[in-house]
């Protein structure tokens, strides 16, 4: 499912932990528009984004540990 730039902006702000009200204020739109749009994008989409972010974070931690071990040799 492709998303628009505005939808992506909403998703990014939501991922940063902003409330729907805060997102609406930043984007200059109504809170209901944010709520409807994020609901339309489905919880599955949001879960996939969180899962991908967790995988990236885990990979970065692992790479850091490998570099630490390599430097200790």
PDB file of N, CA and C in Angstrom:
ATOM      1  N   UNK A   1       0.841  -1.173   0.000  1.00  0.00           N
ATOM      2  CA  UNK A   1       0.000   0.000   0.000  1.00  0.00           C
ATOM      3  C   UNK A   1       0.889   1.239   0.000  1.00  0.00           C
ATOM      4  N   UNK A   2       0.754   2.070  -1.004  1.00  0.00           N
ATOM      5  CA  UNK A   2       1.524   3.311  -1.077  1.00  0.00           C
ATOM      6  C   UNK A   2       0.842   4.387  -0.238  1.00  0.00           C
ATOM      7  N   UNK A   3       1.650   5.203   0.396  1.00  0.00           N
ATOM      8  CA  UNK A   3       1.109   6.296   1.194  1.00  0.00           C
ATOM      9  C   UNK A   3       1.590   7.619   0.608  1.00  0.00           C
ATOM     10  N   UNK A   4       0.812   8.662   0.840  1.00  0.00           N
ATOM     11  CA  UNK A   4       1.185   9.991   0.377  1.00  0.00           C
ATOM     12  C   UNK A   4       2.246  10.575   1.303  1.00  0.00           C
ATOM     13  N   UNK A   5       2.838  11.682   0.889  1.00  0.00           N
ATOM     14  CA  UNK A   5       3.833  12.344   1.731  1.00  0.00           C
ATOM     15  C   UNK A   5       3.212  12.784   3.052  1.00  0.00           C
ATOM     16  N   UNK A   6       1.978  13.294   3.008  1.00  0.00           N
ATOM     17  CA  UNK A   6       1.302  13.749   4.224  1.00  0.00           C
ATOM     18  C   UNK A   6       1.000  12.571   5.153  1.00  0.00           C
ATOM     19  N   UNK A   7       0.571  11.449   4.579  1.00  0.00           N
ATOM     20  CA  UNK A   7       0.314  10.258   5.396  1.00  0.00           C
ATOM     21  C   UNK A   7       1.605   9.771   6.033  1.00  0.00           C
ATOM     22  N   UNK A   8       2.693   9.789   5.258  1.00  0.00           N
ATOM     23  CA  UNK A   8       3.988   9.369   5.788  1.00  0.00           C
ATOM     24  C   UNK A   8       4.421  10.296   6.921  1.00  0.00           C
ATOM     25  N   UNK A   9       4.161  11.593   6.754  1.00  0.00           N
ATOM     26  CA  UNK A   9       4.492  12.554   7.800  1.00  0.00           C
ATOM     27  C   UNK A   9       3.709  12.232   9.076  1.00  0.00           C
ATOM     28  N   UNK A  10       2.420  11.910   8.927  1.00  0.00           N
ATOM     29  CA  UNK A  10       1.609  11.535  10.095  1.00  0.00           C
ATOM     30  C   UNK A  10       2.177  10.293  10.769  1.00  0.00           C
ATOM     31  N   UNK A  11       2.532   9.298   9.978  1.00  0.00           N
ATOM     32  CA  UNK A  11       3.097   8.067  10.528  1.00  0.00           C
ATOM     33  C   UNK A  11       4.410   8.340  11.262  1.00  0.00           C
ATOM     34  N   UNK A  12       5.250   9.165  10.671  1.00  0.00           N
ATOM     35  CA  UNK A  12       6.530   9.481  11.294  1.00  0.00           C
ATOM     36  C   UNK A  12       6.329  10.204  12.632  1.00  0.00           C
ATOM     37  N   UNK A  13       5.416  11.167  12.645  1.00  0.00           N
ATOM     38  CA  UNK A  13       5.147  11.899  13.882  1.00  0.00           C
ATOM     39  C   UNK A  13       4.548  10.978  14.942  1.00  0.00           C
ATOM     40  N   UNK A  14       3.696  10.068  14.507  1.00  0.00           N
ATOM     41  CA  UNK A  14       3.105   9.101  15.426  1.00  0.00           C
ATOM     42  C   UNK A  14       4.193   8.183  15.992  1.00  0.00           C
ATOM     43  N   UNK A  15       5.125   7.762  15.146  1.00  0.00           N
ATOM     44  CA  UNK A  15       6.240   6.915  15.587  1.00  0.00           C
ATOM     45  C   UNK A  15       7.118   7.633  16.601  1.00  0.00           C
ATOM     46  N   UNK A  16       7.153   8.962  16.529  1.00  0.00           N
ATOM     47  CA  UNK A  16       7.936   9.756  17.482  1.00  0.00           C
ATOM     48  C   UNK A  16       7.214   9.907  18.815  1.00  0.00           C
ATOM     49  N   UNK A  17       5.977   9.380  18.889  1.00  0.00           N
ATOM     50  CA  UNK A  17       5.237   9.405  20.137  1.00  0.00           C
ATOM     51  C   UNK A  17       4.287  10.575  20.297  1.00  0.00           C
ATOM     52  N   UNK A  18       4.096  11.366  19.240  1.00  0.00           N
ATOM     53  CA  UNK A  18       3.172  12.492  19.328  1.00  0.00           C
ATOM     54  C   UNK A  18       1.733  11.990  19.339  1.00  0.00           C
ATOM     55  N   UNK A  19       0.889  12.697  20.073  1.00  0.00           N
ATOM     56  CA  UNK A  19      -0.537  12.357  20.103  1.00  0.00           C
ATOM     57  C   UNK A  19      -1.183  12.844  18.810  1.00  0.00           C
ATOM     58  N   UNK A  20      -2.391  12.377  18.578  1.00  0.00           N
ATOM     59  CA  UNK A  20      -3.122  12.816  17.389  1.00  0.00           C
ATOM     60  C   UNK A  20      -3.317  14.329  17.412  1.00  0.00           C
ATOM     61  N   UNK A  21      -3.576  14.877  18.592  1.00  0.00           N
ATOM     62  CA  UNK A  21      -3.762  16.327  18.728  1.00  0.00           C
ATOM     63  C   UNK A  21      -2.478  17.076  18.387  1.00  0.00           C
ATOM     64  N   UNK A  22      -1.344  16.568  18.867  1.00  0.00           N
ATOM     65  CA  UNK A  22      -0.061  17.209  18.575  1.00  0.00           C
ATOM     66  C   UNK A  22       0.280  17.121  17.086  1.00  0.00           C
ATOM     67  N   UNK A  23      -0.008  15.976  16.490  1.00  0.00           N
ATOM     68  CA  UNK A  23       0.231  15.803  15.054  1.00  0.00           C
ATOM     69  C   UNK A  23      -0.624  16.793  14.272  1.00  0.00           C
ATOM     70  N   UNK A  24      -1.890  16.893  14.640  1.00  0.00           N
ATOM     71  CA  UNK A  24      -2.808  17.804  13.948  1.00  0.00           C
ATOM     72  C   UNK A  24      -2.315  19.248  14.031  1.00  0.00           C
ATOM     73  N   UNK A  25      -1.864  19.659  15.202  1.00  0.00           N
ATOM     74  CA  UNK A  25      -1.365  21.030  15.368  1.00  0.00           C
ATOM     75  C   UNK A  25      -0.147  21.279  14.492  1.00  0.00           C
ATOM     76  N   UNK A  26       0.779  20.334  14.494  1.00  0.00           N
ATOM     77  CA  UNK A  26       2.001  20.495  13.683  1.00  0.00           C
ATOM     78  C   UNK A  26       1.686  20.573  12.191  1.00  0.00           C
ATOM     79  N   UNK A  27       0.687  19.791  11.769  1.00  0.00           N
ATOM     80  CA  UNK A  27       0.369  19.726  10.340  1.00  0.00           C
ATOM     81  C   UNK A  27      -0.699  20.733   9.919  1.00  0.00           C
ATOM     82  N   UNK A  28      -1.295  21.408  10.889  1.00  0.00           N
ATOM     83  CA  UNK A  28      -2.321  22.401  10.574  1.00  0.00           C
ATOM     84  C   UNK A  28      -3.618  21.795  10.082  1.00  0.00           C
ATOM     85  N   UNK A  29      -3.971  20.635  10.648  1.00  0.00           N
ATOM     86  CA  UNK A  29      -5.209  19.957  10.260  1.00  0.00           C
ATOM     87  C   UNK A  29      -5.991  19.597  11.516  1.00  0.00           C
ATOM     88  N   UNK A  30      -7.181  19.060  11.330  1.00  0.00           N
ATOM     89  CA  UNK A  30      -8.015  18.691  12.463  1.00  0.00           C
ATOM     90  C   UNK A  30      -7.595  17.328  13.027  1.00  0.00           C
ATOM     91  N   UNK A  31      -7.782  17.185  14.328  1.00  0.00           N
ATOM     92  CA  UNK A  31      -7.428  15.940  15.007  1.00  0.00           C
ATOM     93  C   UNK A  31      -8.168  14.747  14.400  1.00  0.00           C
ATOM     94  N   UNK A  32      -9.428  14.941  14.054  1.00  0.00           N
ATOM     95  CA  UNK A  32     -10.209  13.859  13.457  1.00  0.00           C
ATOM     96  C   UNK A  32      -9.610  13.354  12.155  1.00  0.00           C
ATOM     97  N   UNK A  33      -9.002  14.256  11.395  1.00  0.00           N
ATOM     98  CA  UNK A  33      -8.355  13.851  10.137  1.00  0.00           C
ATOM     99  C   UNK A  33      -7.169  12.931  10.418  1.00  0.00           C
ATOM    100  N   UNK A  34      -6.431  13.254  11.461  1.00  0.00           N
ATOM    101  CA  UNK A  34      -5.288  12.414  11.835  1.00  0.00           C
ATOM    102  C   UNK A  34      -5.787  11.044  12.291  1.00  0.00           C
ATOM    103  N   UNK A  35      -6.792  11.043  13.142  1.00  0.00           N
ATOM    104  CA  UNK A  35      -7.335   9.794  13.665  1.00  0.00           C
ATOM    105  C   UNK A  35      -7.840   8.904  12.534  1.00  0.00           C
ATOM    106  N   UNK A  36      -8.614   9.471  11.635  1.00  0.00           N
ATOM    107  CA  UNK A  36      -9.159   8.687  10.510  1.00  0.00           C
ATOM    108  C   UNK A  36      -8.054   8.165   9.603  1.00  0.00           C
ATOM    109  N   UNK A  37      -7.095   9.016   9.307  1.00  0.00           N
ATOM    110  CA  UNK A  37      -6.028   8.605   8.395  1.00  0.00           C
ATOM    111  C   UNK A  37      -5.184   7.492   8.987  1.00  0.00           C
ATOM    112  N   UNK A  38      -4.788   7.655  10.249  1.00  0.00           N
ATOM    113  CA  UNK A  38      -3.971   6.614  10.874  1.00  0.00           C
ATOM    114  C   UNK A  38      -4.749   5.308  11.032  1.00  0.00           C
ATOM    115  N   UNK A  39      -6.043   5.399  11.304  1.00  0.00           N
ATOM    116  CA  UNK A  39      -6.871   4.189  11.400  1.00  0.00           C
ATOM    117  C   UNK A  39      -6.983   3.519  10.033  1.00  0.00           C
ATOM    118  N   UNK A  40      -7.105   4.326   8.989  1.00  0.00           N
ATOM    119  CA  UNK A  40      -7.230   3.791   7.629  1.00  0.00           C
ATOM    120  C   UNK A  40      -5.965   3.027   7.228  1.00  0.00           C
ATOM    121  N   UNK A  41      -4.829   3.490   7.727  1.00  0.00           N
ATOM    122  CA  UNK A  41      -3.569   2.845   7.361  1.00  0.00           C
ATOM    123  C   UNK A  41      -3.391   1.505   8.059  1.00  0.00           C
ATOM    124  N   UNK A  42      -4.278   1.180   8.944  1.00  0.00           N
ATOM    125  CA  UNK A  42      -4.410  -0.113   9.617  1.00  0.00           C
ATOM    126  C   UNK A  42      -3.319  -0.401  10.630  1.00  0.00           C
ATOM    127  N   UNK A  43      -3.682  -1.134  11.657  1.00  0.00           N
ATOM    128  CA  UNK A  43      -2.701  -1.505  12.671  1.00  0.00           C
ATOM    129  C   UNK A  43      -1.604  -2.408  12.116  1.00  0.00           C
ATOM    130  N   UNK A  44      -1.924  -3.181  11.072  1.00  0.00           N
ATOM    131  CA  UNK A  44      -0.905  -4.054  10.490  1.00  0.00           C
ATOM    132  C   UNK A  44       0.248  -3.244   9.922  1.00  0.00           C
ATOM    133  N   UNK A  45      -0.072  -2.148   9.252  1.00  0.00           N
ATOM    134  CA  UNK A  45       0.950  -1.280   8.677  1.00  0.00           C
ATOM    135  C   UNK A  45       1.821  -0.709   9.784  1.00  0.00           C
ATOM    136  N   UNK A  46       1.196  -0.235  10.847  1.00  0.00           N
ATOM    137  CA  UNK A  46       1.939   0.322  11.974  1.00  0.00           C
ATOM    138  C   UNK A  46       2.810  -0.748  12.623  1.00  0.00           C
ATOM    139  N   UNK A  47       2.294  -1.965  12.754  1.00  0.00           N
ATOM    140  CA  UNK A  47       3.063  -3.059  13.346  1.00  0.00           C
ATOM    141  C   UNK A  47       4.288  -3.376  12.500  1.00  0.00           C
ATOM    142  N   UNK A  48       4.124  -3.375  11.187  1.00  0.00           N
ATOM    143  CA  UNK A  48       5.249  -3.644  10.296  1.00  0.00           C
ATOM    144  C   UNK A  48       6.336  -2.590  10.465  1.00  0.00           C
ATOM    145  N   UNK A  49       5.933  -1.331  10.603  1.00  0.00           N
ATOM    146  CA  UNK A  49       6.899  -0.239  10.787  1.00  0.00           C
ATOM    147  C   UNK A  49       7.643  -0.422  12.111  1.00  0.00           C
ATOM    148  N   UNK A  50       6.921  -0.751  13.175  1.00  0.00           N
ATOM    149  CA  UNK A  50       7.559  -0.959  14.478  1.00  0.00           C
ATOM    150  C   UNK A  50       8.509  -2.157  14.430  1.00  0.00           C
ATOM    151  N   UNK A  51       8.090  -3.216  13.771  1.00  0.00           N
ATOM    152  CA  UNK A  51       8.920  -4.411  13.658  1.00  0.00           C
ATOM    153  C   UNK A  51      10.204  -4.084  12.893  1.00  0.00           C
ATOM    154  N   UNK A  52      10.084  -3.336  11.798  1.00  0.00           N
ATOM    155  CA  UNK A  52      11.252  -2.962  11.001  1.00  0.00           C
ATOM    156  C   UNK A  52      12.198  -2.089  11.838  1.00  0.00           C
ATOM    157  N   UNK A  53      11.640  -1.140  12.583  1.00  0.00           N
ATOM    158  CA  UNK A  53      12.467  -0.270  13.416  1.00  0.00           C
ATOM    159  C   UNK A  53      13.177  -1.073  14.501  1.00  0.00           C
ATOM    160  N   UNK A  54      12.497  -2.039  15.084  1.00  0.00           N
ATOM    161  CA  UNK A  54      13.107  -2.883  16.111  1.00  0.00           C
ATOM    162  C   UNK A  54      14.246  -3.704  15.513  1.00  0.00           C
ATOM    163  N   UNK A  55      14.063  -4.212  14.307  1.00  0.00           N
ATOM    164  CA  UNK A  55      15.103  -4.992  13.652  1.00  0.00           C
ATOM    165  C   UNK A  55      16.326  -4.125  13.363  1.00  0.00           C
ATOM    166  N   UNK A  56      16.095  -2.893  12.902  1.00  0.00           N
ATOM    167  CA  UNK A  56      17.204  -1.984  12.632  1.00  0.00           C
ATOM    168  C   UNK A  56      17.951  -1.672  13.921  1.00  0.00           C
ATOM    169  N   UNK A  57      17.198  -1.379  14.978  1.00  0.00           N
ATOM    170  CA  UNK A  57      17.823  -1.086  16.273  1.00  0.00           C
ATOM    171  C   UNK A  57      18.645  -2.259  16.780  1.00  0.00           C
ATOM    172  N   UNK A  58      18.099  -3.462  16.661  1.00  0.00           N
ATOM    173  CA  UNK A  58      18.819  -4.655  17.088  1.00  0.00           C
ATOM    174  C   UNK A  58      20.084  -4.873  16.283  1.00  0.00           C
ATOM    175  N   UNK A  59      20.018  -4.616  14.996  1.00  0.00           N
ATOM    176  CA  UNK A  59      21.190  -4.767  14.133  1.00  0.00           C
ATOM    177  C   UNK A  59      22.270  -3.766  14.505  1.00  0.00           C
ATOM    178  N   UNK A  60      21.863  -2.550  14.842  1.00  0.00           N
ATOM    179  CA  UNK A  60      22.838  -1.531  15.230  1.00  0.00           C
ATOM    180  C   UNK A  60      23.524  -1.908  16.546  1.00  0.00           C
ATOM    181  N   UNK A  61      22.750  -2.435  17.475  1.00  0.00           N
ATOM    182  CA  UNK A  61      23.327  -2.876  18.753  1.00  0.00           C
ATOM    183  C   UNK A  61      24.311  -4.016  18.524  1.00  0.00           C
ATOM    184  N   UNK A  62      23.916  -4.976  17.704  1.00  0.00           N
ATOM    185  CA  UNK A  62      24.773  -6.117  17.406  1.00  0.00           C
ATOM    186  C   UNK A  62      26.065  -5.660  16.730  1.00  0.00           C
ATOM    187  N   UNK A  63      25.949  -4.760  15.777  1.00  0.00           N
ATOM    188  CA  UNK A  63      27.143  -4.259  15.084  1.00  0.00           C
ATOM    189  C   UNK A  63      28.071  -3.548  16.069  1.00  0.00           C
ATOM    190  N   UNK A  64      27.504  -2.795  16.978  1.00  0.00           N
ATOM    191  CA  UNK A  64      28.316  -2.111  17.988  1.00  0.00           C
ATOM    192  C   UNK A  64      29.060  -3.090  18.877  1.00  0.00           C
ATOM    193  N   UNK A  65      28.379  -4.138  19.280  1.00  0.00           N
ATOM    194  CA  UNK A  65      29.024  -5.159  20.135  1.00  0.00           C
ATOM    195  C   UNK A  65      30.135  -5.879  19.383  1.00  0.00           C
ATOM    196  N   UNK A  66      29.895  -6.177  18.113  1.00  0.00           N
ATOM    197  CA  UNK A  66      30.920  -6.842  17.299  1.00  0.00           C
ATOM    198  C   UNK A  66      32.151  -5.938  17.184  1.00  0.00           C
ATOM    199  N   UNK A  67      31.907  -4.660  16.955  1.00  0.00           N
ATOM    200  CA  UNK A  67      33.026  -3.699  16.853  1.00  0.00           C
ATOM    201  C   UNK A  67      33.777  -3.611  18.179  1.00  0.00           C
ATOM    202  N   UNK A  68      33.053  -3.654  19.304  1.00  0.00           N
ATOM    203  CA  UNK A  68      33.716  -3.623  20.607  1.00  0.00           C
ATOM    204  C   UNK A  68      34.612  -4.845  20.784  1.00  0.00           C
ATOM    205  N   UNK A  69      34.078  -6.010  20.423  1.00  0.00           N
ATOM    206  CA  UNK A  69      34.844  -7.241  20.570  1.00  0.00           C
ATOM    207  C   UNK A  69      36.049  -7.258  19.644  1.00  0.00           C
ATOM    208  N   UNK A  70      35.879  -6.741  18.432  1.00  0.00           N
ATOM    209  CA  UNK A  70      36.984  -6.697  17.484  1.00  0.00           C
ATOM    210  C   UNK A  70      38.070  -5.754  17.962  1.00  0.00           C
ATOM    211  N   UNK A  71      37.663  -4.661  18.595  1.00  0.00           N
ATOM    212  CA  UNK A  71      38.639  -3.702  19.128  1.00  0.00           C
ATOM    213  C   UNK A  71      39.369  -4.233  20.350  1.00  0.00           C
ATOM    214  N   UNK A  72      38.750  -5.165  21.073  1.00  0.00           N
ATOM    215  CA  UNK A  72      39.350  -5.715  22.293  1.00  0.00           C
ATOM    216  C   UNK A  72      40.402  -6.773  21.984  1.00  0.00           C
ATOM    217  N   UNK A  73      40.445  -7.259  20.759  1.00  0.00           N
ATOM    218  CA  UNK A  73      41.387  -8.336  20.411  1.00  0.00           C
ATOM    219  C   UNK A  73      42.783  -7.830  20.235  1.00  0.00           C
TER     220      UNK A  73
END
